């Protein structure tokens, strides 16, 4: 019953690589996500004028805060003492980086009327 051979080892290898590589790929995308966030925030800052609505300015400040939180989560996840909890902190860093991107894109839309 347990002596079955794998008929297509390529499929088994591909599935193993897909499942095994998902966590490590997420860990390396933190920096990419908050670099994208930084560029969108810089672009959004260019559209902010002195007469811009205070709610839009507050949204930009929130995006900056989320981006800073993403960088902190990534830095903490990379420290040795986090152990297995580091992967969850990397996930938080990715999520916070994407939230910062979303907020910055919304600021750009509200300030210009053009979607980003």
PDB file of N, CA and C in Angstrom:
ATOM      1  N   UNK A   1       0.806  -1.183   0.000  1.00  0.00           N
ATOM      2  CA  UNK A   1       0.000   0.000   0.000  1.00  0.00           C
ATOM      3  C   UNK A   1       0.865   1.269   0.000  1.00  0.00           C
ATOM      4  N   UNK A   2       1.943   1.283   0.771  1.00  0.00           N
ATOM      5  CA  UNK A   2       2.797   2.461   0.836  1.00  0.00           C
ATOM      6  C   UNK A   2       3.970   2.394  -0.127  1.00  0.00           C
ATOM      7  N   UNK A   3       4.067   1.385  -0.939  1.00  0.00           N
ATOM      8  CA  UNK A   3       5.168   1.223  -1.869  1.00  0.00           C
ATOM      9  C   UNK A   3       4.863   1.805  -3.242  1.00  0.00           C
ATOM     10  N   UNK A   4       3.926   2.680  -3.340  1.00  0.00           N
ATOM     11  CA  UNK A   4       3.593   3.275  -4.635  1.00  0.00           C
ATOM     12  C   UNK A   4       4.709   4.215  -5.062  1.00  0.00           C
ATOM     13  N   UNK A   5       5.031   4.146  -6.306  1.00  0.00           N
ATOM     14  CA  UNK A   5       6.035   5.070  -6.824  1.00  0.00           C
ATOM     15  C   UNK A   5       5.318   6.295  -7.391  1.00  0.00           C
ATOM     16  N   UNK A   6       6.011   7.409  -7.368  1.00  0.00           N
ATOM     17  CA  UNK A   6       5.444   8.632  -7.912  1.00  0.00           C
ATOM     18  C   UNK A   6       5.552   8.551  -9.426  1.00  0.00           C
ATOM     19  N   UNK A   7       4.420   8.654 -10.097  1.00  0.00           N
ATOM     20  CA  UNK A   7       4.409   8.490 -11.539  1.00  0.00           C
ATOM     21  C   UNK A   7       4.990   9.699 -12.259  1.00  0.00           C
ATOM     22  N   UNK A   8       4.779  10.886 -11.708  1.00  0.00           N
ATOM     23  CA  UNK A   8       5.318  12.090 -12.334  1.00  0.00           C
ATOM     24  C   UNK A   8       6.046  12.903 -11.267  1.00  0.00           C
ATOM     25  N   UNK A   9       7.338  12.656 -11.095  1.00  0.00           N
ATOM     26  CA  UNK A   9       8.066  13.363 -10.046  1.00  0.00           C
ATOM     27  C   UNK A   9       8.168  14.867 -10.291  1.00  0.00           C
ATOM     28  N   UNK A  10       8.007  15.300 -11.536  1.00  0.00           N
ATOM     29  CA  UNK A  10       8.056  16.733 -11.839  1.00  0.00           C
ATOM     30  C   UNK A  10       6.925  17.496 -11.174  1.00  0.00           C
ATOM     31  N   UNK A  11       5.736  16.893 -11.149  1.00  0.00           N
ATOM     32  CA  UNK A  11       4.586  17.548 -10.516  1.00  0.00           C
ATOM     33  C   UNK A  11       4.797  17.621  -9.013  1.00  0.00           C
ATOM     34  N   UNK A  12       5.296  16.534  -8.428  1.00  0.00           N
ATOM     35  CA  UNK A  12       5.549  16.530  -6.992  1.00  0.00           C
ATOM     36  C   UNK A  12       6.613  17.569  -6.625  1.00  0.00           C
ATOM     37  N   UNK A  13       7.639  17.675  -7.430  1.00  0.00           N
ATOM     38  CA  UNK A  13       8.703  18.647  -7.173  1.00  0.00           C
ATOM     39  C   UNK A  13       8.182  20.078  -7.309  1.00  0.00           C
ATOM     40  N   UNK A  14       7.354  20.322  -8.322  1.00  0.00           N
ATOM     41  CA  UNK A  14       6.795  21.659  -8.514  1.00  0.00           C
ATOM     42  C   UNK A  14       5.894  22.046  -7.343  1.00  0.00           C
ATOM     43  N   UNK A  15       5.086  21.100  -6.872  1.00  0.00           N
ATOM     44  CA  UNK A  15       4.205  21.379  -5.727  1.00  0.00           C
ATOM     45  C   UNK A  15       5.023  21.656  -4.472  1.00  0.00           C
ATOM     46  N   UNK A  16       6.081  20.900  -4.275  1.00  0.00           N
ATOM     47  CA  UNK A  16       6.944  21.103  -3.111  1.00  0.00           C
ATOM     48  C   UNK A  16       7.626  22.469  -3.163  1.00  0.00           C
ATOM     49  N   UNK A  17       8.094  22.841  -4.342  1.00  0.00           N
ATOM     50  CA  UNK A  17       8.743  24.145  -4.480  1.00  0.00           C
ATOM     51  C   UNK A  17       7.747  25.271  -4.270  1.00  0.00           C
ATOM     52  N   UNK A  18       6.532  25.088  -4.765  1.00  0.00           N
ATOM     53  CA  UNK A  18       5.501  26.116  -4.613  1.00  0.00           C
ATOM     54  C   UNK A  18       5.145  26.297  -3.146  1.00  0.00           C
ATOM     55  N   UNK A  19       4.926  25.194  -2.446  1.00  0.00           N
ATOM     56  CA  UNK A  19       4.551  25.282  -1.034  1.00  0.00           C
ATOM     57  C   UNK A  19       5.719  25.718  -0.164  1.00  0.00           C
ATOM     58  N   UNK A  20       6.886  25.254  -0.442  1.00  0.00           N
ATOM     59  CA  UNK A  20       8.046  25.591   0.374  1.00  0.00           C
ATOM     60  C   UNK A  20       8.573  26.985   0.119  1.00  0.00           C
ATOM     61  N   UNK A  21       8.413  27.488  -1.078  1.00  0.00           N
ATOM     62  CA  UNK A  21       8.971  28.789  -1.407  1.00  0.00           C
ATOM     63  C   UNK A  21       8.058  29.959  -1.104  1.00  0.00           C
ATOM     64  N   UNK A  22       6.805  29.705  -0.777  1.00  0.00           N
ATOM     65  CA  UNK A  22       5.860  30.806  -0.559  1.00  0.00           C
ATOM     66  C   UNK A  22       6.233  31.640   0.652  1.00  0.00           C
ATOM     67  N   UNK A  23       6.630  30.999   1.737  1.00  0.00           N
ATOM     68  CA  UNK A  23       6.976  31.745   2.943  1.00  0.00           C
ATOM     69  C   UNK A  23       8.232  32.564   2.787  1.00  0.00           C
ATOM     70  N   UNK A  24       9.243  31.981   2.156  1.00  0.00           N
ATOM     71  CA  UNK A  24      10.488  32.719   2.000  1.00  0.00           C
ATOM     72  C   UNK A  24      10.344  33.849   0.991  1.00  0.00           C
ATOM     73  N   UNK A  25       9.491  33.670  -0.013  1.00  0.00           N
ATOM     74  CA  UNK A  25       9.276  34.751  -0.977  1.00  0.00           C
ATOM     75  C   UNK A  25       8.602  35.933  -0.308  1.00  0.00           C
ATOM     76  N   UNK A  26       7.698  35.642   0.614  1.00  0.00           N
ATOM     77  CA  UNK A  26       7.012  36.717   1.316  1.00  0.00           C
ATOM     78  C   UNK A  26       7.994  37.489   2.184  1.00  0.00           C
ATOM     79  N   UNK A  27       8.967  36.789   2.760  1.00  0.00           N
ATOM     80  CA  UNK A  27       9.933  37.453   3.636  1.00  0.00           C
ATOM     81  C   UNK A  27      10.810  38.433   2.869  1.00  0.00           C
ATOM     82  N   UNK A  28      11.060  38.153   1.621  1.00  0.00           N
ATOM     83  CA  UNK A  28      11.931  39.032   0.844  1.00  0.00           C
ATOM     84  C   UNK A  28      11.173  40.133   0.121  1.00  0.00           C
ATOM     85  N   UNK A  29       9.854  40.148   0.225  1.00  0.00           N
ATOM     86  CA  UNK A  29       9.102  41.191  -0.468  1.00  0.00           C
ATOM     87  C   UNK A  29       8.819  42.392   0.429  1.00  0.00           C
ATOM     88  N   UNK A  30       9.211  42.345   1.684  1.00  0.00           N
ATOM     89  CA  UNK A  30       8.981  43.476   2.595  1.00  0.00           C
ATOM     90  C   UNK A  30       9.596  44.751   2.034  1.00  0.00           C
ATOM     91  N   UNK A  31      10.860  44.669   1.728  1.00  0.00           N
ATOM     92  CA  UNK A  31      11.576  45.858   1.274  1.00  0.00           C
ATOM     93  C   UNK A  31      10.995  46.388  -0.032  1.00  0.00           C
ATOM     94  N   UNK A  32      10.588  45.492  -0.905  1.00  0.00           N
ATOM     95  CA  UNK A  32       9.999  45.909  -2.177  1.00  0.00           C
ATOM     96  C   UNK A  32       8.706  46.669  -1.920  1.00  0.00           C
ATOM     97  N   UNK A  33       7.888  46.169  -1.000  1.00  0.00           N
ATOM     98  CA  UNK A  33       6.602  46.808  -0.722  1.00  0.00           C
ATOM     99  C   UNK A  33       6.788  48.189  -0.120  1.00  0.00           C
ATOM    100  N   UNK A  34       7.718  48.334   0.828  1.00  0.00           N
ATOM    101  CA  UNK A  34       7.813  49.680   1.382  1.00  0.00           C
ATOM    102  C   UNK A  34       8.642  50.619   0.535  1.00  0.00           C
ATOM    103  N   UNK A  35       9.406  50.117  -0.398  1.00  0.00           N
ATOM    104  CA  UNK A  35      10.049  51.015  -1.370  1.00  0.00           C
ATOM    105  C   UNK A  35       8.997  51.567  -2.346  1.00  0.00           C
ATOM    106  N   UNK A  36       8.050  50.724  -2.744  1.00  0.00           N
ATOM    107  CA  UNK A  36       6.946  51.192  -3.574  1.00  0.00           C
ATOM    108  C   UNK A  36       6.130  52.237  -2.806  1.00  0.00           C
ATOM    109  N   UNK A  37       5.916  51.958  -1.520  1.00  0.00           N
ATOM    110  CA  UNK A  37       5.183  52.896  -0.687  1.00  0.00           C
ATOM    111  C   UNK A  37       5.895  54.231  -0.574  1.00  0.00           C
ATOM    112  N   UNK A  38       7.213  54.186  -0.413  1.00  0.00           N
ATOM    113  CA  UNK A  38       7.995  55.429  -0.338  1.00  0.00           C
ATOM    114  C   UNK A  38       7.852  56.251  -1.606  1.00  0.00           C
ATOM    115  N   UNK A  39       7.913  55.594  -2.752  1.00  0.00           N
ATOM    116  CA  UNK A  39       7.815  56.343  -4.007  1.00  0.00           C
ATOM    117  C   UNK A  39       6.421  56.942  -4.190  1.00  0.00           C
ATOM    118  N   UNK A  40       5.374  56.207  -3.792  1.00  0.00           N
ATOM    119  CA  UNK A  40       4.022  56.751  -3.907  1.00  0.00           C
ATOM    120  C   UNK A  40       3.810  57.906  -2.932  1.00  0.00           C
ATOM    121  N   UNK A  41       4.383  57.801  -1.735  1.00  0.00           N
ATOM    122  CA  UNK A  41       4.255  58.883  -0.757  1.00  0.00           C
ATOM    123  C   UNK A  41       4.971  60.131  -1.255  1.00  0.00           C
ATOM    124  N   UNK A  42       6.146  59.967  -1.838  1.00  0.00           N
ATOM    125  CA  UNK A  42       6.857  61.126  -2.391  1.00  0.00           C
ATOM    126  C   UNK A  42       6.052  61.774  -3.504  1.00  0.00           C
ATOM    127  N   UNK A  43       5.440  60.948  -4.348  1.00  0.00           N
ATOM    128  CA  UNK A  43       4.612  61.488  -5.417  1.00  0.00           C
ATOM    129  C   UNK A  43       3.411  62.232  -4.835  1.00  0.00           C
ATOM    130  N   UNK A  44       2.784  61.643  -3.809  1.00  0.00           N
ATOM    131  CA  UNK A  44       1.618  62.275  -3.186  1.00  0.00           C
ATOM    132  C   UNK A  44       1.998  63.593  -2.522  1.00  0.00           C
ATOM    133  N   UNK A  45       3.182  63.646  -1.919  1.00  0.00           N
ATOM    134  CA  UNK A  45       3.627  64.887  -1.284  1.00  0.00           C
ATOM    135  C   UNK A  45       3.758  66.018  -2.305  1.00  0.00           C
ATOM    136  N   UNK A  46       4.073  65.680  -3.523  1.00  0.00           N
ATOM    137  CA  UNK A  46       4.191  66.687  -4.571  1.00  0.00           C
ATOM    138  C   UNK A  46       2.866  67.338  -4.921  1.00  0.00           C
ATOM    139  N   UNK A  47       1.760  66.646  -4.655  1.00  0.00           N
ATOM    140  CA  UNK A  47       0.444  67.185  -4.969  1.00  0.00           C
ATOM    141  C   UNK A  47      -0.184  67.947  -3.797  1.00  0.00           C
ATOM    142  N   UNK A  48       0.427  67.882  -2.633  1.00  0.00           N
ATOM    143  CA  UNK A  48      -0.127  68.568  -1.462  1.00  0.00           C
ATOM    144  C   UNK A  48       0.249  70.047  -1.521  1.00  0.00           C
ATOM    145  N   UNK A  49      -0.761  70.873  -1.437  1.00  0.00           N
ATOM    146  CA  UNK A  49      -0.593  72.333  -1.457  1.00  0.00           C
ATOM    147  C   UNK A  49      -1.033  72.887  -0.099  1.00  0.00           C
ATOM    148  N   UNK A  50      -0.704  74.135   0.196  1.00  0.00           N
ATOM    149  CA  UNK A  50      -1.144  74.706   1.483  1.00  0.00           C
ATOM    150  C   UNK A  50      -2.664  74.716   1.657  1.00  0.00           C
ATOM    151  N   UNK A  51      -3.416  74.825   0.562  1.00  0.00           N
ATOM    152  CA  UNK A  51      -4.873  74.864   0.678  1.00  0.00           C
ATOM    153  C   UNK A  51      -5.529  73.484   0.521  1.00  0.00           C
ATOM    154  N   UNK A  52      -4.743  72.422   0.528  1.00  0.00           N
ATOM    155  CA  UNK A  52      -5.288  71.059   0.427  1.00  0.00           C
ATOM    156  C   UNK A  52      -6.094  70.743   1.684  1.00  0.00           C
ATOM    157  N   UNK A  53      -7.181  70.017   1.503  1.00  0.00           N
ATOM    158  CA  UNK A  53      -8.058  69.634   2.610  1.00  0.00           C
ATOM    159  C   UNK A  53      -7.259  68.914   3.704  1.00  0.00           C
ATOM    160  N   UNK A  54      -7.575  69.222   4.946  1.00  0.00           N
ATOM    161  CA  UNK A  54      -6.863  68.645   6.086  1.00  0.00           C
ATOM    162  C   UNK A  54      -7.038  67.129   6.153  1.00  0.00           C
ATOM    163  N   UNK A  55      -8.164  66.619   5.662  1.00  0.00           N
ATOM    164  CA  UNK A  55      -8.384  65.170   5.686  1.00  0.00           C
ATOM    165  C   UNK A  55      -7.424  64.453   4.744  1.00  0.00           C
ATOM    166  N   UNK A  56      -7.101  65.081   3.638  1.00  0.00           N
ATOM    167  CA  UNK A  56      -6.146  64.493   2.699  1.00  0.00           C
ATOM    168  C   UNK A  56      -4.746  64.514   3.310  1.00  0.00           C
ATOM    169  N   UNK A  57      -4.420  65.608   3.988  1.00  0.00           N
ATOM    170  CA  UNK A  57      -3.121  65.686   4.666  1.00  0.00           C
ATOM    171  C   UNK A  57      -3.021  64.647   5.771  1.00  0.00           C
ATOM    172  N   UNK A  58      -4.119  64.422   6.488  1.00  0.00           N
ATOM    173  CA  UNK A  58      -4.128  63.404   7.547  1.00  0.00           C
ATOM    174  C   UNK A  58      -3.962  62.005   6.957  1.00  0.00           C
ATOM    175  N   UNK A  59      -4.550  61.778   5.788  1.00  0.00           N
ATOM    176  CA  UNK A  59      -4.412  60.482   5.128  1.00  0.00           C
ATOM    177  C   UNK A  59      -2.955  60.243   4.712  1.00  0.00           C
ATOM    178  N   UNK A  60      -2.295  61.289   4.257  1.00  0.00           N
ATOM    179  CA  UNK A  60      -0.886  61.179   3.893  1.00  0.00           C
ATOM    180  C   UNK A  60      -0.037  60.900   5.135  1.00  0.00           C
ATOM    181  N   UNK A  61      -0.361  61.548   6.234  1.00  0.00           N
ATOM    182  CA  UNK A  61       0.359  61.288   7.487  1.00  0.00           C
ATOM    183  C   UNK A  61       0.148  59.848   7.939  1.00  0.00           C
ATOM    184  N   UNK A  62      -1.064  59.321   7.755  1.00  0.00           N
ATOM    185  CA  UNK A  62      -1.352  57.926   8.094  1.00  0.00           C
ATOM    186  C   UNK A  62      -0.527  56.981   7.215  1.00  0.00           C
ATOM    187  N   UNK A  63      -0.400  57.303   5.932  1.00  0.00           N
ATOM    188  CA  UNK A  63       0.410  56.476   5.026  1.00  0.00           C
ATOM    189  C   UNK A  63       1.861  56.453   5.480  1.00  0.00           C
ATOM    190  N   UNK A  64       2.373  57.608   5.890  1.00  0.00           N
ATOM    191  CA  UNK A  64       3.755  57.664   6.386  1.00  0.00           C
ATOM    192  C   UNK A  64       3.921  56.830   7.649  1.00  0.00           C
ATOM    193  N   UNK A  65       2.915  56.874   8.532  1.00  0.00           N
ATOM    194  CA  UNK A  65       2.965  56.068   9.753  1.00  0.00           C
ATOM    195  C   UNK A  65       2.941  54.581   9.463  1.00  0.00           C
ATOM    196  N   UNK A  66       2.104  54.170   8.515  1.00  0.00           N
ATOM    197  CA  UNK A  66       2.042  52.750   8.144  1.00  0.00           C
ATOM    198  C   UNK A  66       3.365  52.292   7.535  1.00  0.00           C
ATOM    199  N   UNK A  67       3.966  53.149   6.752  1.00  0.00           N
ATOM    200  CA  UNK A  67       5.240  52.804   6.134  1.00  0.00           C
ATOM    201  C   UNK A  67       6.333  52.660   7.192  1.00  0.00           C
ATOM    202  N   UNK A  68       6.335  53.552   8.158  1.00  0.00           N
ATOM    203  CA  UNK A  68       7.309  53.462   9.241  1.00  0.00           C
ATOM    204  C   UNK A  68       7.088  52.187  10.051  1.00  0.00           C
ATOM    205  N   UNK A  69       5.827  51.832  10.298  1.00  0.00           N
ATOM    206  CA  UNK A  69       5.517  50.592  11.004  1.00  0.00           C
ATOM    207  C   UNK A  69       5.988  49.374  10.216  1.00  0.00           C
ATOM    208  N   UNK A  70       5.873  49.430   8.891  1.00  0.00           N
ATOM    209  CA  UNK A  70       6.334  48.324   8.043  1.00  0.00           C
ATOM    210  C   UNK A  70       7.839  48.154   8.168  1.00  0.00           C
ATOM    211  N   UNK A  71       8.567  49.247   8.160  1.00  0.00           N
ATOM    212  CA  UNK A  71      10.026  49.170   8.282  1.00  0.00           C
ATOM    213  C   UNK A  71      10.425  48.624   9.651  1.00  0.00           C
ATOM    214  N   UNK A  72       9.717  49.024  10.695  1.00  0.00           N
ATOM    215  CA  UNK A  72      10.015  48.534  12.043  1.00  0.00           C
ATOM    216  C   UNK A  72       9.720  47.041  12.136  1.00  0.00           C
ATOM    217  N   UNK A  73       8.570  46.603  11.599  1.00  0.00           N
ATOM    218  CA  UNK A  73       8.227  45.170  11.624  1.00  0.00           C
ATOM    219  C   UNK A  73       9.265  44.351  10.878  1.00  0.00           C
ATOM    220  N   UNK A  74       9.716  44.853   9.744  1.00  0.00           N
ATOM    221  CA  UNK A  74      10.726  44.128   8.968  1.00  0.00           C
ATOM    222  C   UNK A  74      12.040  44.038   9.746  1.00  0.00           C
ATOM    223  N   UNK A  75      12.434  45.144  10.357  1.00  0.00           N
ATOM    224  CA  UNK A  75      13.684  45.160  11.115  1.00  0.00           C
ATOM    225  C   UNK A  75      13.607  44.187  12.296  1.00  0.00           C
ATOM    226  N   UNK A  76      12.477  44.174  13.010  1.00  0.00           N
ATOM    227  CA  UNK A  76      12.320  43.275  14.148  1.00  0.00           C
ATOM    228  C   UNK A  76      12.266  41.816  13.705  1.00  0.00           C
ATOM    229  N   UNK A  77      11.648  41.555  12.563  1.00  0.00           N
ATOM    230  CA  UNK A  77      11.549  40.180  12.070  1.00  0.00           C
ATOM    231  C   UNK A  77      12.906  39.638  11.655  1.00  0.00           C
ATOM    232  N   UNK A  78      13.812  40.518  11.272  1.00  0.00           N
ATOM    233  CA  UNK A  78      15.128  40.090  10.821  1.00  0.00           C
ATOM    234  C   UNK A  78      16.087  39.830  11.974  1.00  0.00           C
ATOM    235  N   UNK A  79      15.709  40.207  13.194  1.00  0.00           N
ATOM    236  CA  UNK A  79      16.580  39.964  14.346  1.00  0.00           C
ATOM    237  C   UNK A  79      16.504  38.496  14.731  1.00  0.00           C
ATOM    238  N   UNK A  80      17.596  37.995  15.310  1.00  0.00           N
ATOM    239  CA  UNK A  80      17.700  36.563  15.603  1.00  0.00           C
ATOM    240  C   UNK A  80      16.754  36.115  16.711  1.00  0.00           C
ATOM    241  N   UNK A  81      16.405  36.984  17.639  1.00  0.00           N
ATOM    242  CA  UNK A  81      15.618  36.548  18.787  1.00  0.00           C
ATOM    243  C   UNK A  81      14.154  36.271  18.447  1.00  0.00           C
ATOM    244  N   UNK A  82      13.698  36.650  17.272  1.00  0.00           N
ATOM    245  CA  UNK A  82      12.287  36.468  16.940  1.00  0.00           C
ATOM    246  C   UNK A  82      11.949  35.011  16.633  1.00  0.00           C
ATOM    247  N   UNK A  83      12.906  34.225  16.179  1.00  0.00           N
ATOM    248  CA  UNK A  83      12.660  32.817  15.901  1.00  0.00           C
ATOM    249  C   UNK A  83      11.570  32.617  14.872  1.00  0.00           C
ATOM    250  N   UNK A  84      10.632  31.702  15.192  1.00  0.00           N
ATOM    251  CA  UNK A  84       9.565  31.389  14.240  1.00  0.00           C
ATOM    252  C   UNK A  84       8.544  32.519  14.128  1.00  0.00           C
ATOM    253  N   UNK A  85       8.521  33.441  15.070  1.00  0.00           N
ATOM    254  CA  UNK A  85       7.589  34.571  14.998  1.00  0.00           C
ATOM    255  C   UNK A  85       7.998  35.561  13.911  1.00  0.00           C
ATOM    256  N   UNK A  86       9.232  35.486  13.451  1.00  0.00           N
ATOM    257  CA  UNK A  86       9.714  36.412  12.435  1.00  0.00           C
ATOM    258  C   UNK A  86       8.905  36.368  11.158  1.00  0.00           C
ATOM    259  N   UNK A  87       8.439  35.166  10.779  1.00  0.00           N
ATOM    260  CA  UNK A  87       7.670  35.069   9.533  1.00  0.00           C
ATOM    261  C   UNK A  87       6.361  35.828   9.633  1.00  0.00           C
ATOM    262  N   UNK A  88       5.756  35.875  10.824  1.00  0.00           N
ATOM    263  CA  UNK A  88       4.526  36.637  10.986  1.00  0.00           C
ATOM    264  C   UNK A  88       4.813  38.135  10.940  1.00  0.00           C
ATOM    265  N   UNK A  89       5.961  38.542  11.463  1.00  0.00           N
ATOM    266  CA  UNK A  89       6.327  39.950  11.434  1.00  0.00           C
ATOM    267  C   UNK A  89       6.637  40.389  10.000  1.00  0.00           C
ATOM    268  N   UNK A  90       7.214  39.494   9.218  1.00  0.00           N
ATOM    269  CA  UNK A  90       7.441  39.809   7.807  1.00  0.00           C
ATOM    270  C   UNK A  90       6.102  39.984   7.096  1.00  0.00           C
ATOM    271  N   UNK A  91       5.146  39.139   7.423  1.00  0.00           N
ATOM    272  CA  UNK A  91       3.812  39.274   6.843  1.00  0.00           C
ATOM    273  C   UNK A  91       3.173  40.599   7.225  1.00  0.00           C
ATOM    274  N   UNK A  92       3.361  41.002   8.481  1.00  0.00           N
ATOM    275  CA  UNK A  92       2.850  42.307   8.915  1.00  0.00           C
ATOM    276  C   UNK A  92       3.520  43.433   8.149  1.00  0.00           C
ATOM    277  N   UNK A  93       4.818  43.316   7.921  1.00  0.00           N
ATOM    278  CA  UNK A  93       5.546  44.355   7.196  1.00  0.00           C
ATOM    279  C   UNK A  93       5.022  44.476   5.766  1.00  0.00           C
ATOM    280  N   UNK A  94       4.754  43.362   5.129  1.00  0.00           N
ATOM    281  CA  UNK A  94       4.210  43.377   3.766  1.00  0.00           C
ATOM    282  C   UNK A  94       2.829  44.019   3.766  1.00  0.00           C
ATOM    283  N   UNK A  95       1.985  43.612   4.715  1.00  0.00           N
ATOM    284  CA  UNK A  95       0.626  44.159   4.792  1.00  0.00           C
ATOM    285  C   UNK A  95       0.661  45.670   5.039  1.00  0.00           C
ATOM    286  N   UNK A  96       1.495  46.107   5.969  1.00  0.00           N
ATOM    287  CA  UNK A  96       1.569  47.534   6.278  1.00  0.00           C
ATOM    288  C   UNK A  96       2.143  48.334   5.109  1.00  0.00           C
ATOM    289  N   UNK A  97       3.089  47.759   4.404  1.00  0.00           N
ATOM    290  CA  UNK A  97       3.627  48.428   3.225  1.00  0.00           C
ATOM    291  C   UNK A  97       2.570  48.604   2.148  1.00  0.00           C
ATOM    292  N   UNK A  98       1.745  47.577   1.962  1.00  0.00           N
ATOM    293  CA  UNK A  98       0.678  47.670   0.964  1.00  0.00           C
ATOM    294  C   UNK A  98      -0.408  48.651   1.399  1.00  0.00           C
ATOM    295  N   UNK A  99      -0.672  48.712   2.709  1.00  0.00           N
ATOM    296  CA  UNK A  99      -1.638  49.690   3.206  1.00  0.00           C
ATOM    297  C   UNK A  99      -1.126  51.113   2.959  1.00  0.00           C
ATOM    298  N   UNK A 100       0.157  51.335   3.167  1.00  0.00           N
ATOM    299  CA  UNK A 100       0.746  52.653   2.912  1.00  0.00           C
ATOM    300  C   UNK A 100       0.624  53.008   1.432  1.00  0.00           C
ATOM    301  N   UNK A 101       0.854  52.032   0.565  1.00  0.00           N
ATOM    302  CA  UNK A 101       0.705  52.276  -0.878  1.00  0.00           C
ATOM    303  C   UNK A 101      -0.733  52.658  -1.217  1.00  0.00           C
ATOM    304  N   UNK A 102      -1.671  51.949  -0.620  1.00  0.00           N
ATOM    305  CA  UNK A 102      -3.080  52.205  -0.892  1.00  0.00           C
ATOM    306  C   UNK A 102      -3.480  53.609  -0.439  1.00  0.00           C
ATOM    307  N   UNK A 103      -3.049  53.984   0.761  1.00  0.00           N
ATOM    308  CA  UNK A 103      -3.374  55.317   1.262  1.00  0.00           C
ATOM    309  C   UNK A 103      -2.740  56.410   0.405  1.00  0.00           C
ATOM    310  N   UNK A 104      -1.491  56.204   0.008  1.00  0.00           N
ATOM    311  CA  UNK A 104      -0.817  57.197  -0.828  1.00  0.00           C
ATOM    312  C   UNK A 104      -1.489  57.312  -2.192  1.00  0.00           C
ATOM    313  N   UNK A 105      -1.928  56.193  -2.753  1.00  0.00           N
ATOM    314  CA  UNK A 105      -2.648  56.223  -4.030  1.00  0.00           C
ATOM    315  C   UNK A 105      -3.961  56.973  -3.892  1.00  0.00           C
ATOM    316  N   UNK A 106      -4.625  56.786  -2.753  1.00  0.00           N
ATOM    317  CA  UNK A 106      -5.880  57.492  -2.520  1.00  0.00           C
ATOM    318  C   UNK A 106      -5.646  58.999  -2.374  1.00  0.00           C
ATOM    319  N   UNK A 107      -4.552  59.376  -1.726  1.00  0.00           N
ATOM    320  CA  UNK A 107      -4.203  60.795  -1.610  1.00  0.00           C
ATOM    321  C   UNK A 107      -3.978  61.392  -2.998  1.00  0.00           C
ATOM    322  N   UNK A 108      -3.258  60.667  -3.838  1.00  0.00           N
ATOM    323  CA  UNK A 108      -3.015  61.144  -5.202  1.00  0.00           C
ATOM    324  C   UNK A 108      -4.320  61.327  -5.947  1.00  0.00           C
ATOM    325  N   UNK A 109      -5.222  60.366  -5.798  1.00  0.00           N
ATOM    326  CA  UNK A 109      -6.521  60.457  -6.482  1.00  0.00           C
ATOM    327  C   UNK A 109      -7.323  61.645  -5.975  1.00  0.00           C
ATOM    328  N   UNK A 110      -7.375  61.815  -4.658  1.00  0.00           N
ATOM    329  CA  UNK A 110      -8.170  62.904  -4.100  1.00  0.00           C
ATOM    330  C   UNK A 110      -7.589  64.274  -4.434  1.00  0.00           C
ATOM    331  N   UNK A 111      -6.247  64.337  -4.535  1.00  0.00           N
ATOM    332  CA  UNK A 111      -5.607  65.610  -4.814  1.00  0.00           C
ATOM    333  C   UNK A 111      -5.664  65.987  -6.300  1.00  0.00           C
ATOM    334  N   UNK A 112      -5.660  64.979  -7.164  1.00  0.00           N
ATOM    335  CA  UNK A 112      -5.602  65.263  -8.605  1.00  0.00           C
ATOM    336  C   UNK A 112      -6.872  64.913  -9.354  1.00  0.00           C
ATOM    337  N   UNK A 113      -7.618  63.962  -8.850  1.00  0.00           N
ATOM    338  CA  UNK A 113      -8.801  63.487  -9.565  1.00  0.00           C
ATOM    339  C   UNK A 113      -8.482  62.406 -10.578  1.00  0.00           C
ATOM    340  N   UNK A 114      -7.211  62.018 -10.656  1.00  0.00           N
ATOM    341  CA  UNK A 114      -6.789  60.971 -11.579  1.00  0.00           C
ATOM    342  C   UNK A 114      -6.369  59.735 -10.788  1.00  0.00           C
ATOM    343  N   UNK A 115      -6.870  58.554 -11.150  1.00  0.00           N
ATOM    344  CA  UNK A 115      -6.462  57.345 -10.432  1.00  0.00           C
ATOM    345  C   UNK A 115      -5.006  57.014 -10.657  1.00  0.00           C
ATOM    346  N   UNK A 116      -4.413  56.413  -9.724  1.00  0.00           N
ATOM    347  CA  UNK A 116      -3.011  56.021  -9.801  1.00  0.00           C
ATOM    348  C   UNK A 116      -2.920  54.529  -9.783  1.00  0.00           C
TER     349      UNK A 116
END
